[in-house]
C-alpha atoms as a PDB file:
ATOM      1  CA  MET A   1    -109.054-102.801 103.099  1.00  0.00           C
ATOM      2  CA  ASN A   2    -109.758-102.586  99.368  1.00  0.00           C
ATOM      3  CA  GLN A   3    -111.679 -99.809  97.629  1.00  0.00           C
ATOM      4  CA  LEU A   4    -114.012 -99.743  94.650  1.00  0.00           C
ATOM      5  CA  LYS A   5    -114.547 -96.558  92.637  1.00  0.00           C
ATOM      6  CA  LEU A   6    -117.368 -95.681  90.258  1.00  0.00           C
ATOM      7  CA  THR A   7    -117.901 -92.402  88.418  1.00  0.00           C
ATOM      8  CA  ILE A   8    -121.525 -91.847  87.437  1.00  0.00           C
ATOM      9  CA  THR A   9    -122.005 -91.092  83.737  1.00  0.00           C
ATOM     10  CA  ASP A  10    -125.313 -92.359  82.355  1.00  0.00           C
ATOM     11  CA  GLU A  11    -126.343 -94.523  85.347  1.00  0.00           C
ATOM     12  CA  SER A  12    -129.532 -93.481  87.133  1.00  0.00           C
ATOM     13  CA  GLY A  13    -131.740 -94.476  90.056  1.00  0.00           C
ATOM     14  CA  ARG A  14    -131.090 -95.556  93.645  1.00  0.00           C
ATOM     15  CA  ILE A  15    -127.502 -96.118  94.611  1.00  0.00           C
ATOM     16  CA  ASP A  16    -128.100 -99.674  95.876  1.00  0.00           C
ATOM     17  CA  LYS A  17    -129.411-100.699  92.453  1.00  0.00           C
ATOM     18  CA  VAL A  18    -126.599 -98.881  90.630  1.00  0.00           C
ATOM     19  CA  LEU A  19    -124.003-100.640  92.786  1.00  0.00           C
ATOM     20  CA  ALA A  20    -125.642-104.025  92.180  1.00  0.00           C
ATOM     21  CA  ASP A  21    -125.634-103.430  88.416  1.00  0.00           C
ATOM     22  CA  SER A  22    -122.051-102.158  88.386  1.00  0.00           C
ATOM     23  CA  PHE A  23    -120.366-104.615  90.758  1.00  0.00           C
ATOM     24  CA  LYS A  24    -121.863-107.958  89.742  1.00  0.00           C
ATOM     25  CA  ASP A  25    -119.395-110.053  91.739  1.00  0.00           C
ATOM     26  CA  PHE A  26    -121.066-108.903  94.967  1.00  0.00           C
ATOM     27  CA  SER A  27    -124.511-109.895  96.234  1.00  0.00           C
ATOM     28  CA  ARG A  28    -127.294-107.443  97.051  1.00  0.00           C
ATOM     29  CA  SER A  29    -127.001-108.388 100.728  1.00  0.00           C
ATOM     30  CA  GLN A  30    -123.306-107.437 100.680  1.00  0.00           C
ATOM     31  CA  ILE A  31    -124.144-104.104  99.069  1.00  0.00           C
ATOM     32  CA  GLN A  32    -126.879-103.408 101.625  1.00  0.00           C
ATOM     33  CA  SER A  33    -124.370-104.221 104.365  1.00  0.00           C
ATOM     34  CA  TRP A  34    -121.902-101.684 102.904  1.00  0.00           C
ATOM     35  CA  LEU A  35    -124.582 -99.004 102.933  1.00  0.00           C
ATOM     36  CA  LYS A  36    -125.780 -99.903 106.433  1.00  0.00           C
ATOM     37  CA  ASN A  37    -122.230 -99.733 107.790  1.00  0.00           C
ATOM     38  CA  GLN A  38    -121.527 -96.407 106.019  1.00  0.00           C
ATOM     39  CA  LEU A  39    -118.835 -97.887 103.793  1.00  0.00           C
ATOM     40  CA  VAL A  40    -120.236 -96.132 100.698  1.00  0.00           C
ATOM     41  CA  GLU A  41    -119.351 -92.480 100.060  1.00  0.00           C
ATOM     42  CA  VAL A  42    -120.521 -90.124  97.352  1.00  0.00           C
ATOM     43  CA  ASP A  43    -118.127 -87.222  96.782  1.00  0.00           C
ATOM     44  CA  GLY A  44    -116.613 -87.911 100.212  1.00  0.00           C
ATOM     45  CA  SER A  45    -119.853 -88.164 102.240  1.00  0.00           C
ATOM     46  CA  SER A  46    -121.642 -91.272 103.517  1.00  0.00           C
ATOM     47  CA  ILE A  47    -125.106 -91.789 102.052  1.00  0.00           C
ATOM     48  CA  LYS A  48    -128.160 -94.035 102.484  1.00  0.00           C
ATOM     49  CA  ALA A  49    -129.534 -96.763 100.221  1.00  0.00           C
ATOM     50  CA  ASN A  50    -132.256 -94.485  98.802  1.00  0.00           C
ATOM     51  CA  HIS A  51    -129.778 -91.904  97.498  1.00  0.00           C
ATOM     52  CA  LYS A  52    -130.400 -91.230  93.799  1.00  0.00           C
ATOM     53  CA  VAL A  53    -127.214 -90.899  91.815  1.00  0.00           C
ATOM     54  CA  LYS A  54    -126.428 -87.930  89.583  1.00  0.00           C
ATOM     55  CA  PRO A  55    -124.031 -87.603  86.621  1.00  0.00           C
ATOM     56  CA  GLY A  56    -120.514 -86.682  87.721  1.00  0.00           C
ATOM     57  CA  GLU A  57    -120.781 -88.119  91.226  1.00  0.00           C
ATOM     58  CA  ILE A  58    -117.834 -90.217  92.365  1.00  0.00           C
ATOM     59  CA  ILE A  59    -118.751 -93.245  94.446  1.00  0.00           C
ATOM     60  CA  ARG A  60    -116.158 -94.960  96.625  1.00  0.00           C
ATOM     61  CA  VAL A  61    -116.802 -98.207  98.478  1.00  0.00           C
ATOM     62  CA  THR A  62    -114.499 -99.450 101.217  1.00  0.00           C
ATOM     63  CA  ILE A  63    -114.550-103.259 101.162  1.00  0.00           C
ATOM     64  CA  PRO A  64    -114.007-104.721 104.639  1.00  0.00           C
ATOM     65  CA  GLU A  65    -111.501-107.499 105.095  1.00  0.00           C
ATOM     66  CA  PRO A  66    -113.175-110.913 104.960  1.00  0.00           C
ATOM     67  CA  GLU A  67    -113.983-112.551 108.258  1.00  0.00           C
ATOM     68  CA  ILE A  68    -111.291-115.059 109.220  1.00  0.00           C
ATOM     69  CA  LEU A  69    -113.018-118.320 110.008  1.00  0.00           C
ATOM     70  CA  ASP A  70    -111.524-120.603 112.618  1.00  0.00           C
ATOM     71  CA  MET A  71    -110.997-123.906 110.849  1.00  0.00           C
ATOM     72  CA  VAL A  72    -111.650-126.357 113.650  1.00  0.00           C
ATOM     73  CA  PRO A  73    -111.449-130.106 112.985  1.00  0.00           C
ATOM     74  CA  GLN A  74    -114.731-131.700 114.066  1.00  0.00           C
ATOM     75  CA  ASP A  75    -115.426-135.361 114.769  1.00  0.00           C
ATOM     76  CA  ILE A  76    -118.268-135.743 112.266  1.00  0.00           C
ATOM     77  CA  PRO A  77    -118.879-139.206 110.765  1.00  0.00           C
ATOM     78  CA  LEU A  78    -117.886-139.557 107.114  1.00  0.00           C
ATOM     79  CA  ASP A  79    -119.009-142.128 104.542  1.00  0.00           C
ATOM     80  CA  ILE A  80    -115.717-142.765 102.735  1.00  0.00           C
ATOM     81  CA  LEU A  81    -115.715-145.082  99.731  1.00  0.00           C
ATOM     82  CA  PHE A  82    -111.987-144.857  98.977  1.00  0.00           C
ATOM     83  CA  GLU A  83    -108.864-143.344 100.493  1.00  0.00           C
ATOM     84  CA  ASP A  84    -105.121-143.520  99.866  1.00  0.00           C
ATOM     85  CA  ASP A  85    -102.226-141.073 100.158  1.00  0.00           C
ATOM     86  CA  ASP A  86    -103.575-138.909  97.327  1.00  0.00           C
ATOM     87  CA  VAL A  87    -107.360-138.985  97.184  1.00  0.00           C
ATOM     88  CA  ILE A  88    -110.460-139.407  99.320  1.00  0.00           C
ATOM     89  CA  VAL A  89    -113.795-140.273  97.696  1.00  0.00           C
ATOM     90  CA  VAL A  90    -116.568-139.331 100.102  1.00  0.00           C
ATOM     91  CA  ASN A  91    -120.351-139.613 100.006  1.00  0.00           C
ATOM     92  CA  LYS A  92    -121.681-136.258 101.278  1.00  0.00           C
ATOM     93  CA  PRO A  93    -125.101-136.403 102.946  1.00  0.00           C
ATOM     94  CA  GLN A  94    -127.937-134.010 102.193  1.00  0.00           C
ATOM     95  CA  GLY A  95    -127.864-130.984 104.461  1.00  0.00           C
ATOM     96  CA  MET A  96    -124.076-130.773 104.813  1.00  0.00           C
ATOM     97  CA  VAL A  97    -122.259-127.734 103.418  1.00  0.00           C
ATOM     98  CA  VAL A  98    -118.976-128.557 101.665  1.00  0.00           C
ATOM     99  CA  HIS A  99    -116.829-125.787 103.195  1.00  0.00           C
ATOM    100  CA  PRO A 100    -117.281-122.978 105.743  1.00  0.00           C
ATOM    101  CA  SER A 101    -118.780-119.660 104.707  1.00  0.00           C
ATOM    102  CA  ALA A 102    -120.210-116.635 106.470  1.00  0.00           C
ATOM    103  CA  GLY A 103    -123.538-118.388 107.076  1.00  0.00           C
ATOM    104  CA  HIS A 104    -122.044-121.817 107.807  1.00  0.00           C
ATOM    105  CA  PRO A 105    -118.915-121.417 109.965  1.00  0.00           C
ATOM    106  CA  ASP A 106    -118.672-125.060 111.066  1.00  0.00           C
ATOM    107  CA  ASN A 107    -120.136-128.590 110.815  1.00  0.00           C
ATOM    108  CA  THR A 108    -119.084-128.693 107.170  1.00  0.00           C
ATOM    109  CA  LEU A 109    -117.456-131.445 105.146  1.00  0.00           C
ATOM    110  CA  VAL A 110    -114.131-129.629 105.459  1.00  0.00           C
ATOM    111  CA  ASN A 111    -114.391-129.576 109.267  1.00  0.00           C
ATOM    112  CA  ALA A 112    -114.976-133.337 109.188  1.00  0.00           C
ATOM    113  CA  LEU A 113    -112.116-133.943 106.733  1.00  0.00           C
ATOM    114  CA  LEU A 114    -109.681-131.942 108.870  1.00  0.00           C
ATOM    115  CA  PHE A 115    -110.449-134.246 111.803  1.00  0.00           C
ATOM    116  CA  HIS A 116    -110.207-137.382 109.670  1.00  0.00           C
ATOM    117  CA  ALA A 117    -107.104-136.715 107.558  1.00  0.00           C
ATOM    118  CA  ASP A 118    -103.588-135.702 108.591  1.00  0.00           C
ATOM    119  CA  HIS A 119    -103.041-133.835 105.337  1.00  0.00           C
ATOM    120  CA  LEU A 120    -105.190-132.072 102.739  1.00  0.00           C
ATOM    121  CA  SER A 121    -104.087-130.050  99.737  1.00  0.00           C
ATOM    122  CA  ALA A 122    -103.356-126.378 100.393  1.00  0.00           C
ATOM    123  CA  ILE A 123    -103.857-124.931  96.904  1.00  0.00           C
ATOM    124  CA  ASN A 124    -107.230-123.368  97.701  1.00  0.00           C
ATOM    125  CA  ASP A 125    -107.686-120.741 100.407  1.00  0.00           C
ATOM    126  CA  VAL A 126    -107.673-121.682 104.076  1.00  0.00           C
ATOM    127  CA  ILE A 127    -111.405-122.505 104.216  1.00  0.00           C
ATOM    128  CA  ARG A 128    -111.307-125.006 101.332  1.00  0.00           C
ATOM    129  CA  PRO A 129    -108.398-127.408 101.966  1.00  0.00           C
ATOM    130  CA  GLY A 130    -108.631-130.472  99.736  1.00  0.00           C
ATOM    131  CA  ILE A 131    -111.758-129.333  97.905  1.00  0.00           C
ATOM    132  CA  VAL A 132    -111.397-129.876  94.152  1.00  0.00           C
ATOM    133  CA  HIS A 133    -115.085-129.501  93.254  1.00  0.00           C
ATOM    134  CA  ARG A 134    -118.324-128.934  95.150  1.00  0.00           C
ATOM    135  CA  ILE A 135    -121.942-129.974  95.281  1.00  0.00           C
ATOM    136  CA  ASP A 136    -124.761-127.991  96.866  1.00  0.00           C
ATOM    137  CA  LYS A 137    -125.737-128.284 100.533  1.00  0.00           C
ATOM    138  CA  ASP A 138    -128.936-130.223  99.800  1.00  0.00           C
ATOM    139  CA  THR A 139    -127.460-132.332  97.002  1.00  0.00           C
ATOM    140  CA  SER A 140    -126.168-135.686  98.208  1.00  0.00           C
ATOM    141  CA  GLY A 141    -123.444-137.845  96.757  1.00  0.00           C
ATOM    142  CA  LEU A 142    -119.844-138.277  95.702  1.00  0.00           C
ATOM    143  CA  LEU A 143    -116.939-135.855  95.834  1.00  0.00           C
ATOM    144  CA  MET A 144    -113.227-136.381  95.172  1.00  0.00           C
ATOM    145  CA  VAL A 145    -110.944-134.702  97.738  1.00  0.00           C
ATOM    146  CA  ALA A 146    -107.205-134.080  97.254  1.00  0.00           C
ATOM    147  CA  LYS A 147    -104.826-134.931 100.103  1.00  0.00           C
ATOM    148  CA  ASN A 148    -101.797-133.178  98.589  1.00  0.00           C
ATOM    149  CA  ASN A 149    -101.064-130.422  96.083  1.00  0.00           C
ATOM    150  CA  HIS A 150     -99.929-132.758  93.309  1.00  0.00           C
ATOM    151  CA  ALA A 151    -103.241-134.637  93.484  1.00  0.00           C
ATOM    152  CA  HIS A 152    -105.177-131.370  93.578  1.00  0.00           C
ATOM    153  CA  GLU A 153    -103.470-129.972  90.483  1.00  0.00           C
ATOM    154  CA  PHE A 154    -103.878-133.273  88.612  1.00  0.00           C
ATOM    155  CA  LEU A 155    -107.586-133.588  89.412  1.00  0.00           C
ATOM    156  CA  THR A 156    -108.238-129.902  88.657  1.00  0.00           C
ATOM    157  CA  GLU A 157    -106.590-130.282  85.260  1.00  0.00           C
ATOM    158  CA  GLN A 158    -108.847-133.267  84.542  1.00  0.00           C
ATOM    159  CA  LEU A 159    -111.880-131.127  85.347  1.00  0.00           C
ATOM    160  CA  LYS A 160    -110.654-128.409  82.975  1.00  0.00           C
ATOM    161  CA  GLU A 161    -110.268-131.036  80.256  1.00  0.00           C
ATOM    162  CA  LYS A 162    -113.760-132.434  81.037  1.00  0.00           C
ATOM    163  CA  LYS A 163    -112.326-135.887  81.739  1.00  0.00           C
ATOM    164  CA  PRO A 164    -113.910-136.963  85.055  1.00  0.00           C
ATOM    165  CA  LEU A 165    -117.179-138.880  84.819  1.00  0.00           C
ATOM    166  CA  ARG A 166    -119.867-137.214  86.929  1.00  0.00           C
ATOM    167  CA  LYS A 167    -123.345-138.713  86.802  1.00  0.00           C
ATOM    168  CA  TYR A 168    -126.307-137.541  88.853  1.00  0.00           C
ATOM    169  CA  ILE A 169    -129.773-138.963  89.486  1.00  0.00           C
ATOM    170  CA  ALA A 170    -132.577-136.377  89.503  1.00  0.00           C
ATOM    171  CA  LEU A 171    -136.335-136.559  90.009  1.00  0.00           C
ATOM    172  CA  VAL A 172    -138.024-133.797  88.041  1.00  0.00           C
ATOM    173  CA  HIS A 173    -141.503-132.322  87.685  1.00  0.00           C
ATOM    174  CA  GLY A 174    -143.300-133.263  84.483  1.00  0.00           C
ATOM    175  CA  VAL A 175    -143.115-136.226  82.117  1.00  0.00           C
ATOM    176  CA  ILE A 176    -140.221-135.874  79.674  1.00  0.00           C
ATOM    177  CA  PRO A 177    -141.398-137.346  76.339  1.00  0.00           C
ATOM    178  CA  HIS A 178    -137.990-137.996  74.740  1.00  0.00           C
ATOM    179  CA  ASP A 179    -135.616-140.642  76.097  1.00  0.00           C
ATOM    180  CA  LYS A 180    -132.463-138.527  76.122  1.00  0.00           C
ATOM    181  CA  GLY A 181    -131.177-135.080  75.321  1.00  0.00           C
ATOM    182  CA  THR A 182    -128.468-132.460  75.743  1.00  0.00           C
ATOM    183  CA  ILE A 183    -128.899-129.002  77.259  1.00  0.00           C
ATOM    184  CA  ASN A 184    -126.287-126.602  75.913  1.00  0.00           C
ATOM    185  CA  ALA A 185    -126.995-123.180  77.412  1.00  0.00           C
ATOM    186  CA  PRO A 186    -124.633-120.653  79.070  1.00  0.00           C
ATOM    187  CA  ILE A 187    -125.037-120.025  82.792  1.00  0.00           C
ATOM    188  CA  GLY A 188    -124.330-116.874  84.802  1.00  0.00           C
ATOM    189  CA  ARG A 189    -125.748-114.926  87.717  1.00  0.00           C
ATOM    190  CA  SER A 190    -129.451-114.162  87.418  1.00  0.00           C
ATOM    191  CA  LYS A 191    -130.269-110.531  86.626  1.00  0.00           C
ATOM    192  CA  ASP A 192    -133.480-110.741  88.679  1.00  0.00           C
ATOM    193  CA  ASN A 193    -132.196-112.529  91.796  1.00  0.00           C
ATOM    194  CA  ARG A 194    -128.504-112.473  92.676  1.00  0.00           C
ATOM    195  CA  GLN A 195    -128.914-115.567  94.856  1.00  0.00           C
ATOM    196  CA  LYS A 196    -129.715-117.550  91.721  1.00  0.00           C
ATOM    197  CA  GLN A 197    -127.943-118.613  88.572  1.00  0.00           C
ATOM    198  CA  ALA A 198    -129.735-118.515  85.224  1.00  0.00           C
ATOM    199  CA  VAL A 199    -129.316-119.174  81.526  1.00  0.00           C
ATOM    200  CA  VAL A 200    -127.982-115.840  80.227  1.00  0.00           C
ATOM    201  CA  SER A 201    -126.371-114.949  76.920  1.00  0.00           C
ATOM    202  CA  GLU A 202    -123.211-113.605  78.574  1.00  0.00           C
ATOM    203  CA  GLY A 203    -122.847-116.641  80.865  1.00  0.00           C
ATOM    204  CA  LYS A 204    -120.152-119.313  80.813  1.00  0.00           C
ATOM    205  CA  PRO A 205    -120.598-122.356  78.539  1.00  0.00           C
ATOM    206  CA  ALA A 206    -122.539-125.149  80.241  1.00  0.00           C
ATOM    207  CA  VAL A 207    -123.511-128.579  78.884  1.00  0.00           C
ATOM    208  CA  THR A 208    -125.655-131.219  80.590  1.00  0.00           C
ATOM    209  CA  HIS A 209    -126.578-134.559  79.025  1.00  0.00           C
ATOM    210  CA  PHE A 210    -129.597-136.449  80.360  1.00  0.00           C
ATOM    211  CA  GLN A 211    -131.302-139.800  79.890  1.00  0.00           C
ATOM    212  CA  VAL A 212    -134.746-140.856  81.107  1.00  0.00           C
ATOM    213  CA  LEU A 213    -134.673-143.787  83.541  1.00  0.00           C
ATOM    214  CA  GLU A 214    -138.325-143.994  84.583  1.00  0.00           C
ATOM    215  CA  ARG A 215    -141.568-142.087  84.069  1.00  0.00           C
ATOM    216  CA  PHE A 216    -144.371-141.558  86.580  1.00  0.00           C
ATOM    217  CA  ASP A 217    -147.759-139.833  86.331  1.00  0.00           C
ATOM    218  CA  GLU A 218    -146.375-136.351  87.030  1.00  0.00           C
ATOM    219  CA  PHE A 219    -142.620-136.866  87.443  1.00  0.00           C
ATOM    220  CA  THR A 220    -139.609-138.283  85.586  1.00  0.00           C
ATOM    221  CA  LEU A 221    -136.497-139.943  86.984  1.00  0.00           C
ATOM    222  CA  ILE A 222    -133.434-139.069  84.908  1.00  0.00           C
ATOM    223  CA  GLU A 223    -129.690-139.538  84.874  1.00  0.00           C
ATOM    224  CA  CYS A 224    -127.642-136.417  84.168  1.00  0.00           C
ATOM    225  CA  GLU A 225    -124.019-136.346  83.048  1.00  0.00           C
ATOM    226  CA  LEU A 226    -122.018-133.150  83.433  1.00  0.00           C
ATOM    227  CA  GLU A 227    -119.719-131.988  80.681  1.00  0.00           C
ATOM    228  CA  THR A 228    -119.046-128.721  82.520  1.00  0.00           C
ATOM    229  CA  GLY A 229    -119.431-127.814  86.190  1.00  0.00           C
ATOM    230  CA  ARG A 230    -121.133-124.462  86.637  1.00  0.00           C
ATOM    231  CA  THR A 231    -122.776-123.394  89.897  1.00  0.00           C
ATOM    232  CA  HIS A 232    -126.239-125.025  90.197  1.00  0.00           C
ATOM    233  CA  GLN A 233    -125.801-126.276  86.619  1.00  0.00           C
ATOM    234  CA  ILE A 234    -128.215-129.229  86.629  1.00  0.00           C
ATOM    235  CA  ARG A 235    -130.816-127.331  88.657  1.00  0.00           C
ATOM    236  CA  VAL A 236    -130.679-124.311  86.319  1.00  0.00           C
ATOM    237  CA  HIS A 237    -130.668-126.349  83.104  1.00  0.00           C
ATOM    238  CA  LEU A 238    -133.653-128.482  84.114  1.00  0.00           C
ATOM    239  CA  LYS A 239    -135.631-125.405  85.114  1.00  0.00           C
ATOM    240  CA  TYR A 240    -134.685-123.856  81.757  1.00  0.00           C
ATOM    241  CA  ILE A 241    -136.314-126.735  79.834  1.00  0.00           C
ATOM    242  CA  ASP A 242    -139.378-126.581  82.152  1.00  0.00           C
ATOM    243  CA  TYR A 243    -138.654-129.792  84.067  1.00  0.00           C
ATOM    244  CA  PRO A 244    -137.416-128.409  87.424  1.00  0.00           C
ATOM    245  CA  ILE A 245    -136.068-130.767  90.066  1.00  0.00           C
ATOM    246  CA  ALA A 246    -138.604-131.898  92.666  1.00  0.00           C
ATOM    247  CA  GLY A 247    -138.036-130.386  96.102  1.00  0.00           C
ATOM    248  CA  ASP A 248    -135.771-127.626  94.808  1.00  0.00           C
ATOM    249  CA  PRO A 249    -136.495-124.586  97.009  1.00  0.00           C
ATOM    250  CA  LEU A 250    -134.670-122.159  94.716  1.00  0.00           C
ATOM    251  CA  TYR A 251    -135.549-123.239  91.175  1.00  0.00           C
ATOM    252  CA  GLY A 252    -138.582-125.483  91.585  1.00  0.00           C
ATOM    253  CA  PRO A 253    -142.301-124.839  92.176  1.00  0.00           C
ATOM    254  CA  ARG A 254    -143.692-124.414  95.676  1.00  0.00           C
ATOM    255  CA  LYS A 255    -146.062-127.341  95.287  1.00  0.00           C
ATOM    256  CA  THR A 256    -143.624-130.214  95.196  1.00  0.00           C
ATOM    257  CA  LEU A 257    -142.547-133.432  96.872  1.00  0.00           C
ATOM    258  CA  SER A 258    -141.580-133.236 100.528  1.00  0.00           C
ATOM    259  CA  GLY A 259    -138.015-134.177 101.355  1.00  0.00           C
ATOM    260  CA  ASN A 260    -134.738-132.659 102.490  1.00  0.00           C
ATOM    261  CA  GLY A 261    -134.283-130.306  99.559  1.00  0.00           C
ATOM    262  CA  GLN A 262    -133.862-131.068  95.876  1.00  0.00           C
ATOM    263  CA  PHE A 263    -134.050-134.701  94.746  1.00  0.00           C
ATOM    264  CA  LEU A 264    -130.588-134.606  93.179  1.00  0.00           C
ATOM    265  CA  HIS A 265    -127.884-137.157  93.935  1.00  0.00           C
ATOM    266  CA  ALA A 266    -124.273-137.315  92.686  1.00  0.00           C
ATOM    267  CA  LYS A 267    -124.370-141.065  92.126  1.00  0.00           C
ATOM    268  CA  THR A 268    -121.253-141.870  90.077  1.00  0.00           C
ATOM    269  CA  ILE A 269    -117.777-140.390  89.802  1.00  0.00           C
ATOM    270  CA  GLY A 270    -114.839-141.551  87.719  1.00  0.00           C
ATOM    271  CA  PHE A 271    -111.349-140.110  87.278  1.00  0.00           C
ATOM    272  CA  GLU A 272    -107.731-140.983  86.537  1.00  0.00           C
ATOM    273  CA  HIS A 273    -105.717-141.529  89.714  1.00  0.00           C
ATOM    274  CA  PRO A 274    -103.096-138.774  90.179  1.00  0.00           C
ATOM    275  CA  THR A 275    -100.213-141.182  90.915  1.00  0.00           C
ATOM    276  CA  THR A 276    -101.051-144.669  89.645  1.00  0.00           C
ATOM    277  CA  HIS A 277    -102.987-143.337  86.615  1.00  0.00           C
ATOM    278  CA  GLU A 278    -105.559-146.094  87.101  1.00  0.00           C
ATOM    279  CA  ASP A 279    -109.147-145.468  86.027  1.00  0.00           C
ATOM    280  CA  MET A 280    -111.123-145.050  89.253  1.00  0.00           C
ATOM    281  CA  LEU A 281    -114.912-145.483  89.263  1.00  0.00           C
ATOM    282  CA  PHE A 282    -117.281-145.221  92.220  1.00  0.00           C
ATOM    283  CA  SER A 283    -121.044-145.299  92.647  1.00  0.00           C
ATOM    284  CA  VAL A 284    -123.326-144.920  95.663  1.00  0.00           C
ATOM    285  CA  GLU A 285    -127.057-145.386  96.276  1.00  0.00           C
ATOM    286  CA  GLU A 286    -129.492-142.525  96.702  1.00  0.00           C
ATOM    287  CA  PRO A 287    -130.472-141.390 100.239  1.00  0.00           C
ATOM    288  CA  GLU A 288    -133.314-143.289 101.908  1.00  0.00           C
ATOM    289  CA  ILE A 289    -135.827-140.465 101.445  1.00  0.00           C
ATOM    290  CA  PHE A 290    -135.059-140.476  97.710  1.00  0.00           C
ATOM    291  CA  LYS A 291    -135.594-144.240  97.457  1.00  0.00           C
ATOM    292  CA  GLU A 292    -138.779-144.099  99.570  1.00  0.00           C
ATOM    293  CA  THR A 293    -140.194-141.359  97.344  1.00  0.00           C
ATOM    294  CA  LEU A 294    -139.551-143.445  94.230  1.00  0.00           C
ATOM    295  CA  THR A 295    -141.245-146.437  95.862  1.00  0.00           C
ATOM    296  CA  ASN A 296    -144.296-144.304  96.669  1.00  0.00           C
ATOM    297  CA  LEU A 297    -144.442-142.930  93.116  1.00  0.00           C
ATOM    298  CA  ARG A 298    -144.354-146.479  91.737  1.00  0.00           C
ATOM    299  CA  LYS A 299    -147.208-147.414  94.069  1.00  0.00           C
ATOM    300  CA  LYS A 300    -149.020-144.165  93.157  1.00  0.00           C
ATOM    301  CA  ILE A 301    -149.233-143.157  96.799  1.00  0.00           C
ATOM    302  CA  ASP A 302    -150.435-139.562  97.304  1.00  0.00           C
ATOM    303  CA  PHE A 303    -148.026-137.118  98.941  1.00  0.00           C
END
């Protein structure tokens, strides 16, 4: 087990808040779990979440070993657009998590890929074989998956150099007056809600280009192109400019269009093949509920 140590100098207030402010790589729920399981000690004694810290106190946190997830191949249907010895291009449906986590131990894209493919790259940890990049659970669309380590390293390097083409279709609240634009704003963990990302001055550089495809009475259909790939980047950037994605439970308004989560679809992906060095380009249609919603907006049907 690992340990964290913090000596109180000018920090003040409840220990759960102090820990959250000091150890930003951990969520509030993780910190509450440490306190509940008596893994936090002040000057050698376990304390509760409402303990108020004092100057000079030494806080030690014992971090439990991560839960080892059993990576079981599962016979889950996959919509594969392309596959060879190096790469799989797969169309992930809305509602599917990309890889296992504490809240989603199975029925993920990785579980399905393990059943489908004899080999996946092993560069990432055991729960993310083959995964070069991710999209959110309720975002649909295209992902490139590496079947060997050479392919993984090659594709990862392309991402670092901002070479792959990644275009998304999004339906947003509000009518965007200009036909295109670029959002260049750094993204990091939200200071108000650790489950969210936000535009923050100390965040990592993030750039999203967008172009208006169609306008409706109260919504706009846009195409977004990623220059960087931060967590929740498109969702955060569109909220930042006051055009949040319709159906987004985390960044959008409560009064929104009904669907299966945010109306965001990874429609197009392009990259250089790791072995043949051919330019690969793939595109896939939006989910049925996305297309039906657009049809209803065009017909001005009330939701």
